Amino acid sequence: MGPALAAFLIACSEAPAPPPAVAGSAALEAHSAEFRRDIIEVVPGIHVAIGYALANVILIEGDDGVIIVDTTESLEAARTVKAEFDRITDKPVQAIIYTHNH
C-alpha cells in the first residue's frame, strides 16, 4: 500500500466533526414555547387551537353543532385538533370556513 493511500485511509477513519452549534437556538426554543399546543377558550363557546399547525383553528359552538374556522395544512394536524375539540363537545360539525390556504 502506498503512502498516499495509507494517508487517505487514515483520514477517512477519523470520526466526523460534530455539527456546529445553531446560532440563536435559545431564541428559537423561546419562540416555539410561545406557540406550544394549547386550546384556549376565548369566550364561552369559542375555542382556539394554537400551535397545532401554521394557522390557528377556531371552534364556534352553536345550539345544534359547531363551525370550524381553518382546518390546518395537513390531515394529521387536522385529526389531532379535531380530537381535542371532541373533548370539548360532541356536537357535529355543521360548517367549515376557510379564511386562507396554508
N, C-alpha and C. Protein backbone atom coordinates (compact mmCIF):
# COMPACT_ATOMS: atom_id res chain seq x y z
N MET A 1 0.86 -1.16 0.00
CA MET A 1 0.00 0.00 0.00
C MET A 1 0.91 1.23 0.00
N GLY A 2 0.61 2.15 -0.88
CA GLY A 2 1.43 3.35 -0.98
C GLY A 2 1.13 4.34 0.12
N PRO A 3 2.06 5.27 0.38
CA PRO A 3 1.86 6.25 1.45
C PRO A 3 0.63 7.13 1.23
N ALA A 4 0.32 7.47 -0.01
CA ALA A 4 -0.84 8.32 -0.27
C ALA A 4 -2.13 7.59 0.09
N LEU A 5 -2.22 6.30 -0.28
CA LEU A 5 -3.40 5.52 0.04
C LEU A 5 -3.53 5.34 1.55
N ALA A 6 -2.42 5.10 2.24
CA ALA A 6 -2.45 4.94 3.70
C ALA A 6 -2.93 6.23 4.36
N ALA A 7 -2.44 7.38 3.90
CA ALA A 7 -2.85 8.67 4.46
C ALA A 7 -4.34 8.90 4.22
N PHE A 8 -4.82 8.53 3.03
CA PHE A 8 -6.24 8.69 2.70
C PHE A 8 -7.11 7.84 3.62
N LEU A 9 -6.72 6.57 3.82
CA LEU A 9 -7.49 5.67 4.67
C LEU A 9 -7.50 6.13 6.12
N ILE A 10 -6.38 6.64 6.60
CA ILE A 10 -6.32 7.16 7.97
C ILE A 10 -7.23 8.38 8.11
N ALA A 11 -7.20 9.26 7.13
CA ALA A 11 -8.04 10.47 7.17
C ALA A 11 -9.52 10.10 7.16
N CYS A 12 -9.87 9.07 6.41
CA CYS A 12 -11.28 8.65 6.32
C CYS A 12 -11.75 7.91 7.56
N SER A 13 -10.83 7.41 8.35
CA SER A 13 -11.24 6.62 9.51
C SER A 13 -11.49 7.47 10.75
N GLU A 14 -11.19 8.76 10.69
CA GLU A 14 -11.43 9.63 11.84
C GLU A 14 -12.92 9.91 11.98
N ALA A 15 -13.36 10.06 13.21
CA ALA A 15 -14.77 10.38 13.47
C ALA A 15 -15.09 11.74 12.88
N PRO A 16 -16.27 11.90 12.33
CA PRO A 16 -16.63 13.20 11.77
C PRO A 16 -16.73 14.25 12.87
N ALA A 17 -16.47 15.47 12.50
CA ALA A 17 -16.56 16.57 13.46
C ALA A 17 -18.02 16.78 13.84
N PRO A 18 -18.29 17.18 15.08
CA PRO A 18 -19.68 17.44 15.47
C PRO A 18 -20.23 18.62 14.68
N PRO A 19 -21.53 18.64 14.48
CA PRO A 19 -22.11 19.77 13.73
C PRO A 19 -21.94 21.06 14.52
N PRO A 20 -21.84 22.17 13.83
CA PRO A 20 -21.70 23.44 14.54
C PRO A 20 -22.98 23.78 15.30
N ALA A 21 -22.82 24.51 16.37
CA ALA A 21 -23.99 24.94 17.15
C ALA A 21 -24.85 25.85 16.29
N VAL A 22 -26.15 25.74 16.45
CA VAL A 22 -27.07 26.58 15.70
C VAL A 22 -27.17 27.93 16.40
N ALA A 23 -26.88 28.96 15.67
CA ALA A 23 -26.95 30.30 16.24
C ALA A 23 -28.39 30.63 16.58
N GLY A 24 -28.61 31.19 17.73
CA GLY A 24 -29.94 31.62 18.12
C GLY A 24 -30.87 30.51 18.55
N SER A 25 -30.34 29.34 18.92
CA SER A 25 -31.22 28.23 19.28
C SER A 25 -32.07 28.56 20.50
N ALA A 26 -31.55 29.34 21.43
CA ALA A 26 -32.34 29.73 22.60
C ALA A 26 -33.54 30.57 22.17
N ALA A 27 -33.32 31.46 21.21
CA ALA A 27 -34.42 32.29 20.70
C ALA A 27 -35.46 31.43 19.99
N LEU A 28 -35.00 30.43 19.23
CA LEU A 28 -35.93 29.54 18.55
C LEU A 28 -36.74 28.72 19.54
N GLU A 29 -36.10 28.25 20.59
CA GLU A 29 -36.82 27.49 21.62
C GLU A 29 -37.86 28.36 22.32
N ALA A 30 -37.51 29.60 22.60
CA ALA A 30 -38.46 30.51 23.24
C ALA A 30 -39.65 30.79 22.32
N HIS A 31 -39.38 30.94 21.03
CA HIS A 31 -40.45 31.17 20.05
C HIS A 31 -41.38 29.96 20.00
N SER A 32 -40.81 28.76 19.99
CA SER A 32 -41.61 27.54 19.95
C SER A 32 -42.46 27.41 21.21
N ALA A 33 -41.91 27.77 22.35
CA ALA A 33 -42.66 27.68 23.60
C ALA A 33 -43.84 28.65 23.60
N GLU A 34 -43.66 29.78 22.93
CA GLU A 34 -44.74 30.76 22.85
C GLU A 34 -45.95 30.18 22.12
N PHE A 35 -45.69 29.29 21.16
CA PHE A 35 -46.77 28.70 20.38
C PHE A 35 -46.92 27.21 20.67
N ARG A 36 -46.72 26.81 21.92
CA ARG A 36 -46.91 25.40 22.28
C ARG A 36 -48.39 25.06 22.12
N ARG A 37 -48.66 23.81 21.91
CA ARG A 37 -50.04 23.37 21.68
C ARG A 37 -50.92 23.70 22.87
N ASP A 38 -52.03 24.32 22.56
CA ASP A 38 -52.98 24.67 23.61
C ASP A 38 -54.33 24.94 22.98
N ILE A 39 -55.39 24.67 23.73
CA ILE A 39 -56.74 25.04 23.34
C ILE A 39 -57.18 26.11 24.33
N ILE A 40 -57.50 27.28 23.81
CA ILE A 40 -57.87 28.41 24.66
C ILE A 40 -59.35 28.73 24.44
N GLU A 41 -60.09 28.85 25.53
CA GLU A 41 -61.48 29.30 25.42
C GLU A 41 -61.46 30.82 25.46
N VAL A 42 -61.78 31.44 24.32
CA VAL A 42 -61.74 32.90 24.20
C VAL A 42 -62.91 33.50 24.97
N VAL A 43 -64.09 33.01 24.69
CA VAL A 43 -65.32 33.32 25.42
C VAL A 43 -66.11 32.02 25.44
N PRO A 44 -67.13 31.92 26.26
CA PRO A 44 -67.89 30.67 26.26
C PRO A 44 -68.38 30.30 24.85
N GLY A 45 -68.04 29.08 24.43
CA GLY A 45 -68.48 28.59 23.13
C GLY A 45 -67.53 28.85 21.98
N ILE A 46 -66.45 29.58 22.21
CA ILE A 46 -65.47 29.83 21.16
C ILE A 46 -64.09 29.43 21.68
N HIS A 47 -63.48 28.48 20.99
CA HIS A 47 -62.17 27.94 21.38
C HIS A 47 -61.19 28.08 20.23
N VAL A 48 -59.93 28.32 20.55
CA VAL A 48 -58.89 28.44 19.55
C VAL A 48 -57.80 27.42 19.84
N ALA A 49 -57.45 26.64 18.82
CA ALA A 49 -56.34 25.68 18.91
C ALA A 49 -55.10 26.38 18.38
N ILE A 50 -54.11 26.55 19.25
CA ILE A 50 -52.87 27.25 18.90
C ILE A 50 -51.72 26.25 18.94
N GLY A 51 -50.82 26.36 17.97
CA GLY A 51 -49.61 25.56 17.99
C GLY A 51 -49.72 24.19 17.36
N TYR A 52 -50.84 23.86 16.77
CA TYR A 52 -51.01 22.56 16.13
C TYR A 52 -50.60 22.59 14.66
N ALA A 53 -50.58 23.78 14.07
CA ALA A 53 -50.30 23.92 12.64
C ALA A 53 -49.83 25.35 12.38
N LEU A 54 -49.67 25.68 11.12
CA LEU A 54 -49.22 27.03 10.77
C LEU A 54 -50.23 28.09 11.21
N ALA A 55 -51.50 27.79 11.03
CA ALA A 55 -52.55 28.73 11.41
C ALA A 55 -53.33 28.17 12.60
N ASN A 56 -53.97 29.05 13.33
CA ASN A 56 -54.84 28.62 14.41
C ASN A 56 -56.12 28.01 13.84
N VAL A 57 -56.76 27.17 14.63
CA VAL A 57 -58.04 26.58 14.25
C VAL A 57 -59.06 27.03 15.30
N ILE A 58 -60.22 27.46 14.84
CA ILE A 58 -61.23 28.00 15.74
C ILE A 58 -62.46 27.10 15.74
N LEU A 59 -62.99 26.85 16.93
CA LEU A 59 -64.22 26.09 17.12
C LEU A 59 -65.28 27.06 17.63
N ILE A 60 -66.39 27.17 16.90
CA ILE A 60 -67.51 28.01 17.32
C ILE A 60 -68.69 27.09 17.59
N GLU A 61 -69.12 27.05 18.85
CA GLU A 61 -70.24 26.18 19.22
C GLU A 61 -71.57 26.89 19.00
N GLY A 62 -72.48 26.19 18.33
CA GLY A 62 -73.85 26.65 18.19
C GLY A 62 -74.76 25.76 19.01
N ASP A 63 -76.06 25.97 18.88
CA ASP A 63 -77.01 25.16 19.64
C ASP A 63 -77.00 23.70 19.19
N ASP A 64 -76.92 23.48 17.87
CA ASP A 64 -77.05 22.12 17.33
C ASP A 64 -75.77 21.57 16.71
N GLY A 65 -74.73 22.35 16.68
CA GLY A 65 -73.49 21.89 16.05
C GLY A 65 -72.40 22.93 16.19
N VAL A 66 -71.29 22.67 15.50
CA VAL A 66 -70.15 23.57 15.58
C VAL A 66 -69.72 24.01 14.19
N ILE A 67 -69.04 25.13 14.15
CA ILE A 67 -68.39 25.63 12.94
C ILE A 67 -66.90 25.60 13.22
N ILE A 68 -66.13 25.10 12.26
CA ILE A 68 -64.67 25.09 12.36
C ILE A 68 -64.14 26.14 11.39
N VAL A 69 -63.29 27.02 11.89
CA VAL A 69 -62.66 28.04 11.04
C VAL A 69 -61.20 27.65 10.86
N ASP A 70 -60.82 27.38 9.63
CA ASP A 70 -59.49 26.93 9.21
C ASP A 70 -59.21 25.53 9.76
N THR A 71 -58.67 24.68 8.93
CA THR A 71 -58.56 23.26 9.28
C THR A 71 -57.13 22.73 9.24
N THR A 72 -56.15 23.58 9.20
CA THR A 72 -54.72 23.26 9.14
C THR A 72 -54.29 22.88 7.74
N GLU A 73 -53.01 22.69 7.58
CA GLU A 73 -52.44 22.36 6.27
C GLU A 73 -52.21 20.87 6.07
N SER A 74 -52.48 20.06 7.10
CA SER A 74 -52.26 18.62 6.94
C SER A 74 -53.38 17.83 7.59
N LEU A 75 -53.62 16.67 7.05
CA LEU A 75 -54.65 15.79 7.60
C LEU A 75 -54.30 15.36 9.02
N GLU A 76 -53.03 15.08 9.26
CA GLU A 76 -52.59 14.66 10.60
C GLU A 76 -52.89 15.73 11.65
N ALA A 77 -52.53 16.97 11.35
CA ALA A 77 -52.78 18.06 12.30
C ALA A 77 -54.28 18.27 12.49
N ALA A 78 -55.04 18.18 11.39
CA ALA A 78 -56.49 18.36 11.49
C ALA A 78 -57.12 17.29 12.38
N ARG A 79 -56.67 16.06 12.24
CA ARG A 79 -57.20 14.99 13.08
C ARG A 79 -56.86 15.22 14.56
N THR A 80 -55.66 15.70 14.81
CA THR A 80 -55.25 15.97 16.20
C THR A 80 -56.11 17.07 16.81
N VAL A 81 -56.33 18.15 16.06
CA VAL A 81 -57.15 19.25 16.56
C VAL A 81 -58.60 18.78 16.74
N LYS A 82 -59.11 18.01 15.79
CA LYS A 82 -60.49 17.51 15.89
C LYS A 82 -60.65 16.66 17.15
N ALA A 83 -59.67 15.83 17.45
CA ALA A 83 -59.74 15.00 18.66
C ALA A 83 -59.77 15.88 19.92
N GLU A 84 -59.01 16.96 19.91
CA GLU A 84 -59.02 17.89 21.05
C GLU A 84 -60.38 18.59 21.16
N PHE A 85 -60.92 19.02 20.02
CA PHE A 85 -62.23 19.67 20.03
C PHE A 85 -63.32 18.69 20.47
N ASP A 86 -63.19 17.43 20.11
CA ASP A 86 -64.17 16.41 20.52
C ASP A 86 -64.20 16.24 22.04
N ARG A 87 -63.12 16.59 22.70
CA ARG A 87 -63.09 16.53 24.17
C ARG A 87 -63.90 17.68 24.78
N ILE A 88 -64.11 18.74 23.99
CA ILE A 88 -64.86 19.90 24.45
C ILE A 88 -66.36 19.70 24.22
N THR A 89 -66.73 19.19 23.05
CA THR A 89 -68.13 19.00 22.71
C THR A 89 -68.28 17.83 21.75
N ASP A 90 -69.43 17.18 21.83
CA ASP A 90 -69.70 16.09 20.88
C ASP A 90 -70.68 16.54 19.79
N LYS A 91 -70.92 17.84 19.71
CA LYS A 91 -71.81 18.36 18.67
C LYS A 91 -71.18 18.14 17.30
N PRO A 92 -71.99 17.86 16.28
CA PRO A 92 -71.45 17.61 14.94
C PRO A 92 -70.97 18.90 14.26
N VAL A 93 -70.03 18.73 13.35
CA VAL A 93 -69.55 19.85 12.55
C VAL A 93 -70.63 20.18 11.52
N GLN A 94 -71.13 21.40 11.55
CA GLN A 94 -72.17 21.85 10.62
C GLN A 94 -71.59 22.62 9.44
N ALA A 95 -70.42 23.24 9.65
CA ALA A 95 -69.81 24.05 8.58
C ALA A 95 -68.32 24.19 8.83
N ILE A 96 -67.60 24.40 7.74
CA ILE A 96 -66.16 24.70 7.79
C ILE A 96 -65.94 25.97 6.99
N ILE A 97 -65.20 26.89 7.57
CA ILE A 97 -64.87 28.15 6.90
C ILE A 97 -63.37 28.20 6.69
N TYR A 98 -62.97 28.40 5.43
CA TYR A 98 -61.55 28.58 5.10
C TYR A 98 -61.30 30.06 4.91
N THR A 99 -60.42 30.63 5.72
CA THR A 99 -60.07 32.04 5.53
C THR A 99 -58.87 32.19 4.61
N HIS A 100 -58.06 31.14 4.52
CA HIS A 100 -56.90 31.13 3.64
C HIS A 100 -56.35 29.71 3.59
N ASN A 101 -55.49 29.44 2.64
CA ASN A 101 -54.94 28.10 2.48
C ASN A 101 -53.47 28.08 2.87
N HIS A 102 -53.12 27.20 3.79
CA HIS A 102 -51.70 27.01 4.17
C HIS A 102 -51.28 25.65 3.72
